[in-house]
PDB file of N, CA and C in Angstrom:
ATOM      1  N   ALA A   1      98.049 112.840 115.117  1.00  0.00           N
ATOM      2  CA  ALA A   1      96.646 112.376 113.595  1.00  0.00           C
ATOM      3  C   ALA A   1      97.844 112.989 112.803  1.00  0.00           C
ATOM      4  N   LEU A   2      99.093 113.314 112.981  1.00  0.00           N
ATOM      5  CA  LEU A   2      99.785 113.518 111.809  1.00  0.00           C
ATOM      6  C   LEU A   2     100.039 111.553 111.393  1.00  0.00           C
ATOM      7  N   ALA A   3     100.128 110.399 112.174  1.00  0.00           N
ATOM      8  CA  ALA A   3     100.039 109.056 112.804  1.00  0.00           C
ATOM      9  C   ALA A   3      99.447 108.799 111.695  1.00  0.00           C
ATOM     10  N   GLN A   4      97.761 109.414 111.736  1.00  0.00           N
ATOM     11  CA  GLN A   4      96.728 108.880 110.709  1.00  0.00           C
ATOM     12  C   GLN A   4      96.964 108.975 109.774  1.00  0.00           C
ATOM     13  N   LYS A   5      97.034 110.955 109.175  1.00  0.00           N
ATOM     14  CA  LYS A   5      96.769 111.153 108.208  1.00  0.00           C
ATOM     15  C   LYS A   5      97.811 112.049 108.028  1.00  0.00           C
ATOM     16  N   PRO A   6      99.473 112.247 107.556  1.00  0.00           N
ATOM     17  CA  PRO A   6     100.335 113.201 107.414  1.00  0.00           C
ATOM     18  C   PRO A   6      99.531 114.058 106.439  1.00  0.00           C
ATOM     19  N   SER A   7     100.230 115.234 106.890  1.00  0.00           N
ATOM     20  CA  SER A   7      99.485 116.084 106.079  1.00  0.00           C
ATOM     21  C   SER A   7     100.563 118.103 105.627  1.00  0.00           C
ATOM     22  N   LYS A   8      99.946 117.986 104.488  1.00  0.00           N
ATOM     23  CA  LYS A   8     101.230 119.323 103.975  1.00  0.00           C
ATOM     24  C   LYS A   8     101.021 120.799 104.844  1.00  0.00           C
ATOM     25  N   THR A   9      99.714 120.710 105.041  1.00  0.00           N
ATOM     26  CA  THR A   9      99.154 121.907 105.441  1.00  0.00           C
ATOM     27  C   THR A   9      98.491 121.744 107.066  1.00  0.00           C
ATOM     28  N   ILE A  10      99.015 121.725 107.879  1.00  0.00           N
ATOM     29  CA  ILE A  10      98.691 121.390 109.103  1.00  0.00           C
ATOM     30  C   ILE A  10      98.179 122.510 109.924  1.00  0.00           C
ATOM     31  N   GLN A  11      98.175 123.603 109.312  1.00  0.00           N
ATOM     32  CA  GLN A  11      97.263 124.827 110.255  1.00  0.00           C
ATOM     33  C   GLN A  11      96.182 125.233 109.347  1.00  0.00           C
ATOM     34  N   SER A  12      95.339 124.087 108.051  1.00  0.00           N
ATOM     35  CA  SER A  12      94.106 124.070 107.708  1.00  0.00           C
ATOM     36  C   SER A  12      93.195 123.904 107.947  1.00  0.00           C
ATOM     37  N   THR A  13      91.955 124.361 107.930  1.00  0.00           N
ATOM     38  CA  THR A  13      90.627 124.199 108.804  1.00  0.00           C
ATOM     39  C   THR A  13      90.835 122.539 109.130  1.00  0.00           C
ATOM     40  N   THR A  14      90.594 122.080 107.552  1.00  0.00           N
ATOM     41  CA  THR A  14      90.517 120.946 107.433  1.00  0.00           C
ATOM     42  C   THR A  14      91.266 119.785 108.349  1.00  0.00           C
ATOM     43  N   PHE A  15      92.004 119.957 108.523  1.00  0.00           N
ATOM     44  CA  PHE A  15      93.415 119.169 109.986  1.00  0.00           C
ATOM     45  C   PHE A  15      93.042 119.319 111.319  1.00  0.00           C
ATOM     46  N   THR A  16      92.899 120.750 111.170  1.00  0.00           N
ATOM     47  CA  THR A  16      93.109 121.742 112.823  1.00  0.00           C
ATOM     48  C   THR A  16      91.404 120.816 113.457  1.00  0.00           C
ATOM     49  N   THR A  17      90.289 121.082 112.484  1.00  0.00           N
ATOM     50  CA  THR A  17      88.588 120.600 113.112  1.00  0.00           C
ATOM     51  C   THR A  17      89.097 119.255 113.401  1.00  0.00           C
ATOM     52  N   LEU A  18      89.812 118.304 112.329  1.00  0.00           N
ATOM     53  CA  LEU A  18      89.338 117.288 112.693  1.00  0.00           C
ATOM     54  C   LEU A  18      90.394 116.754 113.743  1.00  0.00           C
ATOM     55  N   ILE A  19      91.557 117.127 114.449  1.00  0.00           N
ATOM     56  CA  ILE A  19      91.864 117.043 116.236  1.00  0.00           C
ATOM     57  C   ILE A  19      91.586 118.078 116.626  1.00  0.00           C
ATOM     58  N   LYS A  20      90.262 119.509 116.634  1.00  0.00           N
ATOM     59  CA  LYS A  20      89.855 120.312 117.632  1.00  0.00           C
ATOM     60  C   LYS A  20      90.707 121.168 118.241  1.00  0.00           C
ATOM     61  N   ILE A  21      91.961 121.524 117.648  1.00  0.00           N
ATOM     62  CA  ILE A  21      92.850 122.642 117.852  1.00  0.00           C
ATOM     63  C   ILE A  21      92.645 123.538 116.876  1.00  0.00           C
ATOM     64  N   SER A  22      93.667 124.537 117.633  1.00  0.00           N
ATOM     65  CA  SER A  22      93.630 125.885 116.739  1.00  0.00           C
ATOM     66  C   SER A  22      94.789 125.938 115.713  1.00  0.00           C
ATOM     67  N   ALA A  23      95.235 126.440 114.880  1.00  0.00           N
ATOM     68  CA  ALA A  23      95.540 126.554 113.662  1.00  0.00           C
ATOM     69  C   ALA A  23      97.109 127.084 114.381  1.00  0.00           C
ATOM     70  N   SER A  24      96.797 127.731 115.981  1.00  0.00           N
ATOM     71  CA  SER A  24      98.388 128.163 116.689  1.00  0.00           C
ATOM     72  C   SER A  24      99.236 127.081 116.876  1.00  0.00           C
ATOM     73  N   SER A  25      97.905 126.048 117.728  1.00  0.00           N
ATOM     74  CA  SER A  25      97.771 125.128 118.286  1.00  0.00           C
ATOM     75  C   SER A  25      98.812 123.972 117.255  1.00  0.00           C
ATOM     76  N   ALA A  26      98.396 124.242 116.477  1.00  0.00           N
ATOM     77  CA  ALA A  26      98.692 122.655 115.542  1.00  0.00           C
ATOM     78  C   ALA A  26     100.783 123.391 114.877  1.00  0.00           C
ATOM     79  N   GLN A  27     100.696 124.725 114.781  1.00  0.00           N
ATOM     80  CA  GLN A  27     101.799 125.029 114.339  1.00  0.00           C
ATOM     81  C   GLN A  27     102.838 124.934 115.443  1.00  0.00           C
ATOM     82  N   GLN A  28     102.283 125.474 116.857  1.00  0.00           N
ATOM     83  CA  GLN A  28     103.367 124.961 118.294  1.00  0.00           C
ATOM     84  C   GLN A  28     103.635 123.785 118.070  1.00  0.00           C
ATOM     85  N   ALA A  29     102.949 122.678 117.931  1.00  0.00           N
ATOM     86  CA  ALA A  29     102.602 121.329 118.112  1.00  0.00           C
ATOM     87  C   ALA A  29     103.657 121.004 117.203  1.00  0.00           C
ATOM     88  N   VAL A  30     103.945 121.268 115.972  1.00  0.00           N
ATOM     89  CA  VAL A  30     104.348 120.359 115.276  1.00  0.00           C
ATOM     90  C   VAL A  30     106.279 121.026 114.997  1.00  0.00           C
ATOM     91  N   GLU A  31     105.919 122.951 115.431  1.00  0.00           N
ATOM     92  CA  GLU A  31     107.584 122.705 116.008  1.00  0.00           C
ATOM     93  C   GLU A  31     108.572 122.343 117.262  1.00  0.00           C
ATOM     94  N   VAL A  32     107.989 121.375 118.235  1.00  0.00           N
ATOM     95  CA  VAL A  32     108.281 121.017 118.988  1.00  0.00           C
ATOM     96  C   VAL A  32     108.505 119.760 118.743  1.00  0.00           C
ATOM     97  N   LEU A  33     107.858 118.925 117.992  1.00  0.00           N
ATOM     98  CA  LEU A  33     107.435 118.080 117.300  1.00  0.00           C
ATOM     99  C   LEU A  33     108.812 118.020 116.271  1.00  0.00           C
ATOM    100  N   LEU A  34     108.985 118.750 115.842  1.00  0.00           N
ATOM    101  CA  LEU A  34     110.404 118.652 114.832  1.00  0.00           C
ATOM    102  C   LEU A  34     111.434 118.696 115.361  1.00  0.00           C
ATOM    103  N   GLU A  35     111.766 120.044 116.277  1.00  0.00           N
ATOM    104  CA  GLU A  35     112.729 119.823 117.221  1.00  0.00           C
ATOM    105  C   GLU A  35     113.259 118.888 117.807  1.00  0.00           C
ATOM    106  N   LYS A  36     112.213 117.400 118.329  1.00  0.00           N
ATOM    107  CA  LYS A  36     112.755 116.392 119.176  1.00  0.00           C
ATOM    108  C   LYS A  36     112.491 115.452 117.910  1.00  0.00           C
ATOM    109  N   ASP A  37     112.940 115.564 116.850  1.00  0.00           N
ATOM    110  CA  ASP A  37     112.554 114.448 116.074  1.00  0.00           C
ATOM    111  C   ASP A  37     111.616 113.353 115.984  1.00  0.00           C
ATOM    112  N   LEU A  38     110.246 113.976 116.462  1.00  0.00           N
ATOM    113  CA  LEU A  38     109.570 112.756 116.070  1.00  0.00           C
ATOM    114  C   LEU A  38     108.449 112.731 115.158  1.00  0.00           C
ATOM    115  N   VAL A  39     108.726 114.061 114.318  1.00  0.00           N
ATOM    116  CA  VAL A  39     108.589 113.994 113.150  1.00  0.00           C
ATOM    117  C   VAL A  39     109.066 114.484 112.046  1.00  0.00           C
ATOM    118  N   TYR A  40     109.462 114.571 110.441  1.00  0.00           N
ATOM    119  CA  TYR A  40     109.740 114.840 109.397  1.00  0.00           C
ATOM    120  C   TYR A  40     108.698 116.071 108.532  1.00  0.00           C
ATOM    121  N   ARG A  41     109.471 116.749 108.040  1.00  0.00           N
ATOM    122  CA  ARG A  41     108.894 116.813 106.660  1.00  0.00           C
ATOM    123  C   ARG A  41     109.712 116.582 105.243  1.00  0.00           C
ATOM    124  N   ASP A  42     108.839 115.755 104.219  1.00  0.00           N
ATOM    125  CA  ASP A  42     109.054 114.946 103.479  1.00  0.00           C
ATOM    126  C   ASP A  42     109.545 116.016 102.394  1.00  0.00           C
ATOM    127  N   GLU A  43     110.091 115.564 101.288  1.00  0.00           N
ATOM    128  CA  GLU A  43     110.623 116.257 100.229  1.00  0.00           C
ATOM    129  C   GLU A  43     109.212 116.963  99.284  1.00  0.00           C
ATOM    130  N   GLN A  44     107.833 116.456  99.940  1.00  0.00           N
ATOM    131  CA  GLN A  44     106.985 117.144  99.250  1.00  0.00           C
ATOM    132  C   GLN A  44     106.608 118.167  99.945  1.00  0.00           C
ATOM    133  N   GLY A  45     107.192 118.223 101.490  1.00  0.00           N
ATOM    134  CA  GLY A  45     106.403 119.018 102.120  1.00  0.00           C
ATOM    135  C   GLY A  45     105.135 118.649 102.839  1.00  0.00           C
ATOM    136  N   ILE A  46     105.354 117.707 102.987  1.00  0.00           N
ATOM    137  CA  ILE A  46     104.212 117.006 103.721  1.00  0.00           C
ATOM    138  C   ILE A  46     104.305 116.625 105.342  1.00  0.00           C
ATOM    139  N   TYR A  47     104.105 116.717 106.426  1.00  0.00           N
ATOM    140  CA  TYR A  47     104.603 116.286 107.757  1.00  0.00           C
ATOM    141  C   TYR A  47     104.252 114.808 107.771  1.00  0.00           C
ATOM    142  N   GLN A  48     105.660 113.966 108.278  1.00  0.00           N
ATOM    143  CA  GLN A  48     105.033 112.314 108.953  1.00  0.00           C
ATOM    144  C   GLN A  48     105.433 112.330 110.250  1.00  0.00           C
ATOM    145  N   VAL A  49     105.276 110.938 110.828  1.00  0.00           N
ATOM    146  CA  VAL A  49     106.135 111.007 112.261  1.00  0.00           C
ATOM    147  C   VAL A  49     107.028 109.740 111.328  1.00  0.00           C
ATOM    148  N   LEU A  50     108.272 110.401 112.596  1.00  0.00           N
ATOM    149  CA  LEU A  50     109.307 109.831 112.030  1.00  0.00           C
ATOM    150  C   LEU A  50     109.725 108.311 112.228  1.00  0.00           C
ATOM    151  N   ASP A  51     109.387 108.087 113.348  1.00  0.00           N
ATOM    152  CA  ASP A  51     109.359 106.589 113.831  1.00  0.00           C
ATOM    153  C   ASP A  51     108.431 105.000 113.381  1.00  0.00           C
ATOM    154  N   PRO A  52     108.272 104.551 112.374  1.00  0.00           N
ATOM    155  CA  PRO A  52     107.288 103.854 112.308  1.00  0.00           C
ATOM    156  C   PRO A  52     107.378 103.204 113.471  1.00  0.00           C
ATOM    157  N   ALA A  53     107.980 102.703 114.771  1.00  0.00           N
ATOM    158  CA  ALA A  53     107.193 102.115 115.707  1.00  0.00           C
ATOM    159  C   ALA A  53     106.718 102.875 116.908  1.00  0.00           C
ATOM    160  N   ILE A  54     106.554 104.363 116.788  1.00  0.00           N
ATOM    161  CA  ILE A  54     105.444 105.372 117.483  1.00  0.00           C
ATOM    162  C   ILE A  54     104.623 105.377 116.006  1.00  0.00           C
ATOM    163  N   LYS A  55     104.976 104.963 115.181  1.00  0.00           N
ATOM    164  CA  LYS A  55     103.476 105.720 114.080  1.00  0.00           C
ATOM    165  C   LYS A  55     102.350 104.746 114.431  1.00  0.00           C
ATOM    166  N   TYR A  56     103.168 103.114 114.659  1.00  0.00           N
ATOM    167  CA  TYR A  56     102.564 102.162 115.385  1.00  0.00           C
ATOM    168  C   TYR A  56     101.582 102.207 116.518  1.00  0.00           C
ATOM    169  N   TYR A  57     102.364 102.543 117.360  1.00  0.00           N
ATOM    170  CA  TYR A  57     101.833 102.763 118.315  1.00  0.00           C
ATOM    171  C   TYR A  57     100.556 103.330 118.729  1.00  0.00           C
ATOM    172  N   LEU A  58     100.868 104.656 118.122  1.00  0.00           N
ATOM    173  CA  LEU A  58      99.564 105.540 118.224  1.00  0.00           C
ATOM    174  C   LEU A  58      98.002 105.612 116.979  1.00  0.00           C
ATOM    175  N   ASN A  59      98.759 104.521 115.702  1.00  0.00           N
ATOM    176  CA  ASN A  59      97.351 103.835 115.078  1.00  0.00           C
ATOM    177  C   ASN A  59      97.002 102.950 115.658  1.00  0.00           C
ATOM    178  N   VAL A  60      97.674 101.950 116.079  1.00  0.00           N
ATOM    179  CA  VAL A  60      97.037 100.915 116.592  1.00  0.00           C
ATOM    180  C   VAL A  60      96.760 101.117 118.144  1.00  0.00           C
ATOM    181  N   ILE A  61      97.422 101.124 118.607  1.00  0.00           N
ATOM    182  CA  ILE A  61      97.071 101.284 120.081  1.00  0.00           C
ATOM    183  C   ILE A  61      96.156 102.073 120.768  1.00  0.00           C
ATOM    184  N   LEU A  62      96.911 103.169 120.603  1.00  0.00           N
ATOM    185  CA  LEU A  62      96.746 104.567 121.194  1.00  0.00           C
ATOM    186  C   LEU A  62      95.109 104.693 120.518  1.00  0.00           C
ATOM    187  N   TRP A  63      95.014 105.345 119.222  1.00  0.00           N
ATOM    188  CA  TRP A  63      93.832 106.096 117.990  1.00  0.00           C
ATOM    189  C   TRP A  63      93.063 104.718 117.861  1.00  0.00           C
ATOM    190  N   ASP A  64      92.104 104.877 118.857  1.00  0.00           N
ATOM    191  CA  ASP A  64      90.980 104.161 117.714  1.00  0.00           C
ATOM    192  C   ASP A  64      91.076 104.379 115.984  1.00  0.00           C
ATOM    193  N   VAL A  65      91.517 103.152 115.589  1.00  0.00           N
ATOM    194  CA  VAL A  65      91.513 103.219 113.764  1.00  0.00           C
ATOM    195  C   VAL A  65      90.883 103.799 113.143  1.00  0.00           C
ATOM    196  N   ASN A  66      89.388 103.943 113.769  1.00  0.00           N
ATOM    197  CA  ASN A  66      87.938 104.545 112.856  1.00  0.00           C
ATOM    198  C   ASN A  66      88.143 106.290 112.963  1.00  0.00           C
ATOM    199  N   HIS A  67      88.054 106.375 113.998  1.00  0.00           N
ATOM    200  CA  HIS A  67      88.623 108.091 114.912  1.00  0.00           C
ATOM    201  C   HIS A  67      88.183 109.050 113.494  1.00  0.00           C
ATOM    202  N   PHE A  68      89.582 108.988 112.154  1.00  0.00           N
ATOM    203  CA  PHE A  68      90.031 109.420 111.718  1.00  0.00           C
ATOM    204  C   PHE A  68      89.002 109.217 109.773  1.00  0.00           C
ATOM    205  N   ASN A  69      88.004 108.011 110.047  1.00  0.00           N
ATOM    206  CA  ASN A  69      87.412 107.675 108.660  1.00  0.00           C
ATOM    207  C   ASN A  69      85.850 108.452 108.878  1.00  0.00           C
ATOM    208  N   ALA A  70      85.594 109.170 109.803  1.00  0.00           N
ATOM    209  CA  ALA A  70      84.350 109.567 109.898  1.00  0.00           C
ATOM    210  C   ALA A  70      84.135 110.520 108.622  1.00  0.00           C
TER     211      ALA A  70
END
């Protein structure tokens, strides 16, 4: 989901409803992703996918591009 929509508030209802997980699960997931250097938090506090190749894979190959545009 962060590949499609980088987010500052990963525990918000808007973000968690979009991906259908609880706020606590979102927090646990982002902590693991940060630890493994798969995502980072930029200077504005927005969580984003670190590697452009992984972001491309997630956006274009894995996810339906229109999944989050509804």
